[in-house]
Amino acid sequence: MTTPNHATDGRTVGPEPRPAIIAELLDVGAVAGLLRCSRRHVYRLSDAGRLPRPIKLGQLVRWRRASLNEWLAAGCPPVRSVRGGAR
């Protein structure tokens, strides 16, 4: 954790502390690294319902670290069925 520096006039200077929630949300690159696969494969797993549902923040797609850890500990089971699949 970084400690803020104080300027001579009393202002706090230095980097803004990052909220803890940001560290708990993983982008596709971090998920790919965690699973040791490509970014495209992460999207395929997600689209097929085989990965925990991501959080969508506008155009950003993020996964909860805790959800992924639970999913991995459970042996990576499918988490939902996808409608309109192949017949």
PDB file of N, CA and C in Angstrom:
ATOM      1  N   MET A   1       0.843  -1.167   0.000  1.00  0.00           N
ATOM      2  CA  MET A   1       0.000   0.000   0.000  1.00  0.00           C
ATOM      3  C   MET A   1       0.890   1.232   0.000  1.00  0.00           C
ATOM      4  N   THR A   2       0.588   2.196  -0.822  1.00  0.00           N
ATOM      5  CA  THR A   2       1.384   3.400  -0.896  1.00  0.00           C
ATOM      6  C   THR A   2       0.896   4.403   0.129  1.00  0.00           C
ATOM      7  N   THR A   3       1.845   5.135   0.702  1.00  0.00           N
ATOM      8  CA  THR A   3       1.467   6.179   1.642  1.00  0.00           C
ATOM      9  C   THR A   3       1.532   7.507   0.923  1.00  0.00           C
ATOM     10  N   PRO A   4       0.578   8.391   1.172  1.00  0.00           N
ATOM     11  CA  PRO A   4       0.576   9.669   0.466  1.00  0.00           C
ATOM     12  C   PRO A   4       1.718  10.547   0.950  1.00  0.00           C
ATOM     13  N   ASN A   5       2.250  11.350   0.059  1.00  0.00           N
ATOM     14  CA  ASN A   5       3.274  12.334   0.395  1.00  0.00           C
ATOM     15  C   ASN A   5       2.581  13.662   0.608  1.00  0.00           C
ATOM     16  N   HIS A   6       3.130  14.480   1.471  1.00  0.00           N
ATOM     17  CA  HIS A   6       2.533  15.776   1.742  1.00  0.00           C
ATOM     18  C   HIS A   6       3.440  16.869   1.212  1.00  0.00           C
ATOM     19  N   ALA A   7       2.847  17.801   0.472  1.00  0.00           N
ATOM     20  CA  ALA A   7       3.590  18.954  -0.023  1.00  0.00           C
ATOM     21  C   ALA A   7       3.828  19.913   1.128  1.00  0.00           C
ATOM     22  N   THR A   8       4.701  20.879   0.924  1.00  0.00           N
ATOM     23  CA  THR A   8       5.026  21.832   1.992  1.00  0.00           C
ATOM     24  C   THR A   8       3.826  22.650   2.436  1.00  0.00           C
ATOM     25  N   ASP A   9       2.834  22.809   1.552  1.00  0.00           N
ATOM     26  CA  ASP A   9       1.639  23.568   1.939  1.00  0.00           C
ATOM     27  C   ASP A   9       0.541  22.669   2.518  1.00  0.00           C
ATOM     28  N   GLY A  10       0.829  21.396   2.763  1.00  0.00           N
ATOM     29  CA  GLY A  10      -0.133  20.504   3.399  1.00  0.00           C
ATOM     30  C   GLY A  10      -0.970  19.673   2.447  1.00  0.00           C
ATOM     31  N   ARG A  11      -0.866  19.937   1.119  1.00  0.00           N
ATOM     32  CA  ARG A  11      -1.636  19.153   0.158  1.00  0.00           C
ATOM     33  C   ARG A  11      -1.076  17.740   0.073  1.00  0.00           C
ATOM     34  N   THR A  12      -1.938  16.791  -0.172  1.00  0.00           N
ATOM     35  CA  THR A  12      -1.515  15.412  -0.395  1.00  0.00           C
ATOM     36  C   THR A  12      -1.193  15.246  -1.873  1.00  0.00           C
ATOM     37  N   VAL A  13      -0.016  14.733  -2.155  1.00  0.00           N
ATOM     38  CA  VAL A  13       0.395  14.503  -3.536  1.00  0.00           C
ATOM     39  C   VAL A  13       0.797  13.050  -3.681  1.00  0.00           C
ATOM     40  N   GLY A  14       0.790  12.570  -4.915  1.00  0.00           N
ATOM     41  CA  GLY A  14       1.184  11.187  -5.164  1.00  0.00           C
ATOM     42  C   GLY A  14       0.076  10.442  -5.851  1.00  0.00           C
ATOM     43  N   PRO A  15       0.277   9.153  -6.045  1.00  0.00           N
ATOM     44  CA  PRO A  15      -0.730   8.369  -6.766  1.00  0.00           C
ATOM     45  C   PRO A  15      -2.012   8.222  -5.968  1.00  0.00           C
ATOM     46  N   GLU A  16      -3.115   8.182  -6.705  1.00  0.00           N
ATOM     47  CA  GLU A  16      -4.413   7.946  -6.091  1.00  0.00           C
ATOM     48  C   GLU A  16      -4.482   6.484  -5.649  1.00  0.00           C
ATOM     49  N   PRO A  17      -5.000   6.208  -4.458  1.00  0.00           N
ATOM     50  CA  PRO A  17      -5.160   4.801  -4.067  1.00  0.00           C
ATOM     51  C   PRO A  17      -6.211   4.124  -4.933  1.00  0.00           C
ATOM     52  N   ARG A  18      -5.925   2.918  -5.364  1.00  0.00           N
ATOM     53  CA  ARG A  18      -6.870   2.167  -6.192  1.00  0.00           C
ATOM     54  C   ARG A  18      -7.901   1.491  -5.311  1.00  0.00           C
ATOM     55  N   PRO A  19      -9.165   1.573  -5.669  1.00  0.00           N
ATOM     56  CA  PRO A  19     -10.186   0.862  -4.888  1.00  0.00           C
ATOM     57  C   PRO A  19      -9.957  -0.651  -4.952  1.00  0.00           C
ATOM     58  N   ALA A  20     -10.269  -1.325  -3.872  1.00  0.00           N
ATOM     59  CA  ALA A  20     -10.068  -2.770  -3.803  1.00  0.00           C
ATOM     60  C   ALA A  20     -10.902  -3.505  -4.841  1.00  0.00           C
ATOM     61  N   ILE A  21     -12.052  -2.961  -5.202  1.00  0.00           N
ATOM     62  CA  ILE A  21     -12.935  -3.648  -6.152  1.00  0.00           C
ATOM     63  C   ILE A  21     -12.275  -3.806  -7.508  1.00  0.00           C
ATOM     64  N   ILE A  22     -11.443  -2.854  -7.912  1.00  0.00           N
ATOM     65  CA  ILE A  22     -10.789  -2.949  -9.215  1.00  0.00           C
ATOM     66  C   ILE A  22      -9.874  -4.170  -9.254  1.00  0.00           C
ATOM     67  N   ALA A  23      -9.190  -4.456  -8.163  1.00  0.00           N
ATOM     68  CA  ALA A  23      -8.300  -5.611  -8.112  1.00  0.00           C
ATOM     69  C   ALA A  23      -9.084  -6.919  -8.163  1.00  0.00           C
ATOM     70  N   GLU A  24     -10.357  -6.893  -7.824  1.00  0.00           N
ATOM     71  CA  GLU A  24     -11.177  -8.097  -7.814  1.00  0.00           C
ATOM     72  C   GLU A  24     -11.852  -8.369  -9.143  1.00  0.00           C
ATOM     73  N   LEU A  25     -11.810  -7.441 -10.073  1.00  0.00           N
ATOM     74  CA  LEU A  25     -12.403  -7.631 -11.394  1.00  0.00           C
ATOM     75  C   LEU A  25     -11.286  -7.842 -12.407  1.00  0.00           C
ATOM     76  N   LEU A  26     -11.379  -8.925 -13.163  1.00  0.00           N
ATOM     77  CA  LEU A  26     -10.337  -9.279 -14.122  1.00  0.00           C
ATOM     78  C   LEU A  26     -10.806  -9.037 -15.546  1.00  0.00           C
ATOM     79  N   ASP A  27      -9.934  -8.476 -16.366  1.00  0.00           N
ATOM     80  CA  ASP A  27     -10.249  -8.315 -17.783  1.00  0.00           C
ATOM     81  C   ASP A  27      -9.945  -9.620 -18.511  1.00  0.00           C
ATOM     82  N   VAL A  28     -10.241  -9.665 -19.789  1.00  0.00           N
ATOM     83  CA  VAL A  28     -10.095 -10.902 -20.554  1.00  0.00           C
ATOM     84  C   VAL A  28      -8.637 -11.369 -20.586  1.00  0.00           C
ATOM     85  N   GLY A  29      -7.694 -10.440 -20.625  1.00  0.00           N
ATOM     86  CA  GLY A  29      -6.283 -10.814 -20.635  1.00  0.00           C
ATOM     87  C   GLY A  29      -5.863 -11.498 -19.347  1.00  0.00           C
ATOM     88  N   ALA A  30      -6.350 -10.980 -18.208  1.00  0.00           N
ATOM     89  CA  ALA A  30      -6.029 -11.587 -16.916  1.00  0.00           C
ATOM     90  C   ALA A  30      -6.681 -12.961 -16.771  1.00  0.00           C
ATOM     91  N   VAL A  31      -7.906 -13.095 -17.257  1.00  0.00           N
ATOM     92  CA  VAL A  31      -8.583 -14.399 -17.206  1.00  0.00           C
ATOM     93  C   VAL A  31      -7.844 -15.401 -18.096  1.00  0.00           C
ATOM     94  N   ALA A  32      -7.432 -14.970 -19.272  1.00  0.00           N
ATOM     95  CA  ALA A  32      -6.676 -15.844 -20.174  1.00  0.00           C
ATOM     96  C   ALA A  32      -5.374 -16.301 -19.513  1.00  0.00           C
ATOM     97  N   GLY A  33      -4.708 -15.396 -18.824  1.00  0.00           N
ATOM     98  CA  GLY A  33      -3.482 -15.766 -18.109  1.00  0.00           C
ATOM     99  C   GLY A  33      -3.755 -16.743 -16.985  1.00  0.00           C
ATOM    100  N   LEU A  34      -4.843 -16.536 -16.261  1.00  0.00           N
ATOM    101  CA  LEU A  34      -5.221 -17.427 -15.169  1.00  0.00           C
ATOM    102  C   LEU A  34      -5.523 -18.831 -15.686  1.00  0.00           C
ATOM    103  N   LEU A  35      -6.215 -18.902 -16.831  1.00  0.00           N
ATOM    104  CA  LEU A  35      -6.609 -20.191 -17.396  1.00  0.00           C
ATOM    105  C   LEU A  35      -5.561 -20.778 -18.335  1.00  0.00           C
ATOM    106  N   ARG A  36      -4.521 -19.987 -18.627  1.00  0.00           N
ATOM    107  CA  ARG A  36      -3.464 -20.395 -19.563  1.00  0.00           C
ATOM    108  C   ARG A  36      -4.035 -20.758 -20.930  1.00  0.00           C
ATOM    109  N   CYS A  37      -4.825 -19.828 -21.459  1.00  0.00           N
ATOM    110  CA  CYS A  37      -5.407 -20.003 -22.789  1.00  0.00           C
ATOM    111  C   CYS A  37      -5.421 -18.642 -23.481  1.00  0.00           C
ATOM    112  N   SER A  38      -5.929 -18.609 -24.694  1.00  0.00           N
ATOM    113  CA  SER A  38      -5.979 -17.358 -25.439  1.00  0.00           C
ATOM    114  C   SER A  38      -7.170 -16.507 -24.983  1.00  0.00           C
ATOM    115  N   ARG A  39      -7.084 -15.233 -25.307  1.00  0.00           N
ATOM    116  CA  ARG A  39      -8.193 -14.327 -25.007  1.00  0.00           C
ATOM    117  C   ARG A  39      -9.447 -14.767 -25.761  1.00  0.00           C
ATOM    118  N   ARG A  40      -9.282 -15.185 -27.005  1.00  0.00           N
ATOM    119  CA  ARG A  40     -10.421 -15.633 -27.806  1.00  0.00           C
ATOM    120  C   ARG A  40     -11.092 -16.845 -27.173  1.00  0.00           C
ATOM    121  N   HIS A  41     -10.303 -17.761 -26.610  1.00  0.00           N
ATOM    122  CA  HIS A  41     -10.874 -18.950 -25.978  1.00  0.00           C
ATOM    123  C   HIS A  41     -11.692 -18.568 -24.740  1.00  0.00           C
ATOM    124  N   VAL A  42     -11.267 -17.534 -24.020  1.00  0.00           N
ATOM    125  CA  VAL A  42     -12.043 -17.059 -22.869  1.00  0.00           C
ATOM    126  C   VAL A  42     -13.424 -16.613 -23.334  1.00  0.00           C
ATOM    127  N   TYR A  43     -13.468 -15.855 -24.432  1.00  0.00           N
ATOM    128  CA  TYR A  43     -14.763 -15.423 -24.964  1.00  0.00           C
ATOM    129  C   TYR A  43     -15.593 -16.621 -25.434  1.00  0.00           C
ATOM    130  N   ARG A  44     -14.958 -17.617 -26.039  1.00  0.00           N
ATOM    131  CA  ARG A  44     -15.698 -18.822 -26.461  1.00  0.00           C
ATOM    132  C   ARG A  44     -16.293 -19.538 -25.263  1.00  0.00           C
ATOM    133  N   LEU A  45     -15.499 -19.708 -24.194  1.00  0.00           N
ATOM    134  CA  LEU A  45     -16.004 -20.356 -22.985  1.00  0.00           C
ATOM    135  C   LEU A  45     -17.175 -19.574 -22.399  1.00  0.00           C
ATOM    136  N   SER A  46     -17.050 -18.274 -22.372  1.00  0.00           N
ATOM    137  CA  SER A  46     -18.108 -17.431 -21.826  1.00  0.00           C
ATOM    138  C   SER A  46     -19.380 -17.524 -22.672  1.00  0.00           C
ATOM    139  N   ASP A  47     -19.230 -17.438 -23.986  1.00  0.00           N
ATOM    140  CA  ASP A  47     -20.383 -17.522 -24.885  1.00  0.00           C
ATOM    141  C   ASP A  47     -21.082 -18.872 -24.801  1.00  0.00           C
ATOM    142  N   ALA A  48     -20.324 -19.926 -24.525  1.00  0.00           N
ATOM    143  CA  ALA A  48     -20.884 -21.275 -24.444  1.00  0.00           C
ATOM    144  C   ALA A  48     -21.481 -21.572 -23.063  1.00  0.00           C
ATOM    145  N   GLY A  49     -21.372 -20.646 -22.116  1.00  0.00           N
ATOM    146  CA  GLY A  49     -21.920 -20.888 -20.784  1.00  0.00           C
ATOM    147  C   GLY A  49     -21.048 -21.769 -19.928  1.00  0.00           C
ATOM    148  N   ARG A  50     -19.789 -21.882 -20.266  1.00  0.00           N
ATOM    149  CA  ARG A  50     -18.879 -22.741 -19.514  1.00  0.00           C
ATOM    150  C   ARG A  50     -18.001 -21.957 -18.548  1.00  0.00           C
ATOM    151  N   LEU A  51     -18.194 -20.660 -18.483  1.00  0.00           N
ATOM    152  CA  LEU A  51     -17.407 -19.780 -17.618  1.00  0.00           C
ATOM    153  C   LEU A  51     -18.398 -18.950 -16.806  1.00  0.00           C
ATOM    154  N   PRO A  52     -18.063 -18.580 -15.569  1.00  0.00           N
ATOM    155  CA  PRO A  52     -18.991 -17.723 -14.817  1.00  0.00           C
ATOM    156  C   PRO A  52     -19.346 -16.471 -15.616  1.00  0.00           C
ATOM    157  N   ARG A  53     -20.550 -16.005 -15.443  1.00  0.00           N
ATOM    158  CA  ARG A  53     -21.058 -14.846 -16.187  1.00  0.00           C
ATOM    159  C   ARG A  53     -20.226 -13.609 -15.861  1.00  0.00           C
ATOM    160  N   PRO A  54     -19.817 -12.868 -16.886  1.00  0.00           N
ATOM    161  CA  PRO A  54     -19.038 -11.652 -16.642  1.00  0.00           C
ATOM    162  C   PRO A  54     -19.936 -10.491 -16.226  1.00  0.00           C
ATOM    163  N   ILE A  55     -19.298  -9.458 -15.741  1.00  0.00           N
ATOM    164  CA  ILE A  55     -19.966  -8.198 -15.428  1.00  0.00           C
ATOM    165  C   ILE A  55     -19.692  -7.279 -16.606  1.00  0.00           C
ATOM    166  N   LYS A  56     -20.725  -6.631 -17.115  1.00  0.00           N
ATOM    167  CA  LYS A  56     -20.548  -5.704 -18.232  1.00  0.00           C
ATOM    168  C   LYS A  56     -20.731  -4.287 -17.717  1.00  0.00           C
ATOM    169  N   LEU A  57     -19.705  -3.479 -17.899  1.00  0.00           N
ATOM    170  CA  LEU A  57     -19.707  -2.076 -17.496  1.00  0.00           C
ATOM    171  C   LEU A  57     -19.599  -1.244 -18.763  1.00  0.00           C
ATOM    172  N   GLY A  58     -20.725  -0.928 -19.347  1.00  0.00           N
ATOM    173  CA  GLY A  58     -20.694  -0.267 -20.656  1.00  0.00           C
ATOM    174  C   GLY A  58     -20.171  -1.272 -21.672  1.00  0.00           C
ATOM    175  N   GLN A  59     -19.053  -0.934 -22.309  1.00  0.00           N
ATOM    176  CA  GLN A  59     -18.444  -1.853 -23.265  1.00  0.00           C
ATOM    177  C   GLN A  59     -17.384  -2.740 -22.620  1.00  0.00           C
ATOM    178  N   LEU A  60     -17.058  -2.481 -21.353  1.00  0.00           N
ATOM    179  CA  LEU A  60     -16.055  -3.282 -20.664  1.00  0.00           C
ATOM    180  C   LEU A  60     -16.663  -4.595 -20.188  1.00  0.00           C
ATOM    181  N   VAL A  61     -15.892  -5.655 -20.278  1.00  0.00           N
ATOM    182  CA  VAL A  61     -16.316  -6.974 -19.798  1.00  0.00           C
ATOM    183  C   VAL A  61     -15.297  -7.408 -18.753  1.00  0.00           C
ATOM    184  N   ARG A  62     -15.777  -7.720 -17.549  1.00  0.00           N
ATOM    185  CA  ARG A  62     -14.902  -8.114 -16.455  1.00  0.00           C
ATOM    186  C   ARG A  62     -15.485  -9.331 -15.749  1.00  0.00           C
ATOM    187  N   TRP A  63     -14.604 -10.148 -15.169  1.00  0.00           N
ATOM    188  CA  TRP A  63     -15.022 -11.314 -14.394  1.00  0.00           C
ATOM    189  C   TRP A  63     -14.582 -11.118 -12.958  1.00  0.00           C
ATOM    190  N   ARG A  64     -15.412 -11.588 -12.011  1.00  0.00           N
ATOM    191  CA  ARG A  64     -15.060 -11.528 -10.589  1.00  0.00           C
ATOM    192  C   ARG A  64     -14.019 -12.600 -10.297  1.00  0.00           C
ATOM    193  N   ARG A  65     -12.938 -12.185  -9.651  1.00  0.00           N
ATOM    194  CA  ARG A  65     -11.869 -13.123  -9.292  1.00  0.00           C
ATOM    195  C   ARG A  65     -12.408 -14.245  -8.399  1.00  0.00           C
ATOM    196  N   ALA A  66     -13.257 -13.902  -7.428  1.00  0.00           N
ATOM    197  CA  ALA A  66     -13.796 -14.903  -6.505  1.00  0.00           C
ATOM    198  C   ALA A  66     -14.641 -15.941  -7.247  1.00  0.00           C
ATOM    199  N   SER A  67     -15.447 -15.499  -8.211  1.00  0.00           N
ATOM    200  CA  SER A  67     -16.273 -16.430  -8.986  1.00  0.00           C
ATOM    201  C   SER A  67     -15.410 -17.393  -9.791  1.00  0.00           C
ATOM    202  N   LEU A  68     -14.345 -16.864 -10.374  1.00  0.00           N
ATOM    203  CA  LEU A  68     -13.450 -17.720 -11.153  1.00  0.00           C
ATOM    204  C   LEU A  68     -12.721 -18.719 -10.259  1.00  0.00           C
ATOM    205  N   ASN A  69     -12.282 -18.272  -9.083  1.00  0.00           N
ATOM    206  CA  ASN A  69     -11.591 -19.181  -8.163  1.00  0.00           C
ATOM    207  C   ASN A  69     -12.511 -20.310  -7.701  1.00  0.00           C
ATOM    208  N   GLU A  70     -13.773 -19.975  -7.401  1.00  0.00           N
ATOM    209  CA  GLU A  70     -14.743 -21.004  -7.001  1.00  0.00           C
ATOM    210  C   GLU A  70     -14.992 -21.979  -8.148  1.00  0.00           C
ATOM    211  N   TRP A  71     -15.117 -21.450  -9.366  1.00  0.00           N
ATOM    212  CA  TRP A  71     -15.356 -22.267 -10.553  1.00  0.00           C
ATOM    213  C   TRP A  71     -14.193 -23.225 -10.788  1.00  0.00           C
ATOM    214  N   LEU A  72     -12.964 -22.714 -10.649  1.00  0.00           N
ATOM    215  CA  LEU A  72     -11.779 -23.566 -10.823  1.00  0.00           C
ATOM    216  C   LEU A  72     -11.715 -24.643  -9.739  1.00  0.00           C
ATOM    217  N   ALA A  73     -12.005 -24.266  -8.497  1.00  0.00           N
ATOM    218  CA  ALA A  73     -11.965 -25.235  -7.394  1.00  0.00           C
ATOM    219  C   ALA A  73     -13.003 -26.335  -7.569  1.00  0.00           C
ATOM    220  N   ALA A  74     -14.117 -26.014  -8.224  1.00  0.00           N
ATOM    221  CA  ALA A  74     -15.181 -26.998  -8.450  1.00  0.00           C
ATOM    222  C   ALA A  74     -14.905 -27.880  -9.667  1.00  0.00           C
ATOM    223  N   GLY A  75     -13.786 -27.671 -10.350  1.00  0.00           N
ATOM    224  CA  GLY A  75     -13.457 -28.509 -11.497  1.00  0.00           C
ATOM    225  C   GLY A  75     -13.959 -27.969 -12.822  1.00  0.00           C
ATOM    226  N   CYS A  76     -14.260 -26.681 -12.893  1.00  0.00           N
ATOM    227  CA  CYS A  76     -14.685 -26.008 -14.136  1.00  0.00           C
ATOM    228  C   CYS A  76     -15.974 -26.570 -14.731  1.00  0.00           C
ATOM    229  N   PRO A  77     -17.023 -26.721 -13.928  1.00  0.00           N
ATOM    230  CA  PRO A  77     -18.277 -27.239 -14.486  1.00  0.00           C
ATOM    231  C   PRO A  77     -18.983 -26.183 -15.334  1.00  0.00           C
ATOM    232  N   PRO A  78     -19.831 -26.615 -16.284  1.00  0.00           N
ATOM    233  CA  PRO A  78     -20.647 -25.621 -17.003  1.00  0.00           C
ATOM    234  C   PRO A  78     -21.515 -24.884 -15.993  1.00  0.00           C
ATOM    235  N   VAL A  79     -21.677 -23.598 -16.168  1.00  0.00           N
ATOM    236  CA  VAL A  79     -22.406 -22.818 -15.171  1.00  0.00           C
ATOM    237  C   VAL A  79     -23.810 -22.441 -15.612  1.00  0.00           C
ATOM    238  N   ARG A  80     -24.101 -22.527 -16.887  1.00  0.00           N
ATOM    239  CA  ARG A  80     -25.461 -22.214 -17.366  1.00  0.00           C
ATOM    240  C   ARG A  80     -25.665 -22.871 -18.716  1.00  0.00           C
ATOM    241  N   SER A  81     -26.907 -23.039 -19.076  1.00  0.00           N
ATOM    242  CA  SER A  81     -27.202 -23.563 -20.411  1.00  0.00           C
ATOM    243  C   SER A  81     -27.425 -22.375 -21.349  1.00  0.00           C
ATOM    244  N   VAL A  82     -27.076 -22.551 -22.583  1.00  0.00           N
ATOM    245  CA  VAL A  82     -27.198 -21.491 -23.574  1.00  0.00           C
ATOM    246  C   VAL A  82     -28.372 -21.820 -24.468  1.00  0.00           C
ATOM    247  N   ARG A  83     -29.273 -20.863 -24.639  1.00  0.00           N
ATOM    248  CA  ARG A  83     -30.434 -21.074 -25.492  1.00  0.00           C
ATOM    249  C   ARG A  83     -30.031 -21.005 -26.954  1.00  0.00           C
ATOM    250  N   GLY A  84     -30.776 -21.707 -27.778  1.00  0.00           N
ATOM    251  CA  GLY A  84     -30.559 -21.627 -29.219  1.00  0.00           C
ATOM    252  C   GLY A  84     -29.328 -22.335 -29.711  1.00  0.00           C
ATOM    253  N   GLY A  85     -28.881 -23.344 -28.992  1.00  0.00           N
ATOM    254  CA  GLY A  85     -27.684 -24.080 -29.394  1.00  0.00           C
ATOM    255  C   GLY A  85     -27.953 -24.965 -30.601  1.00  0.00           C
ATOM    256  N   ALA A  86     -26.931 -25.668 -31.039  1.00  0.00           N
ATOM    257  CA  ALA A  86     -27.064 -26.579 -32.199  1.00  0.00           C
ATOM    258  C   ALA A  86     -28.017 -27.708 -31.854  1.00  0.00           C
ATOM    259  N   ARG A  87     -28.697 -28.190 -32.859  1.00  0.00           N
ATOM    260  CA  ARG A  87     -29.666 -29.286 -32.649  1.00  0.00           C
ATOM    261  C   ARG A  87     -29.103 -30.597 -33.102  1.00  0.00           C
TER     262      ARG A  87
END
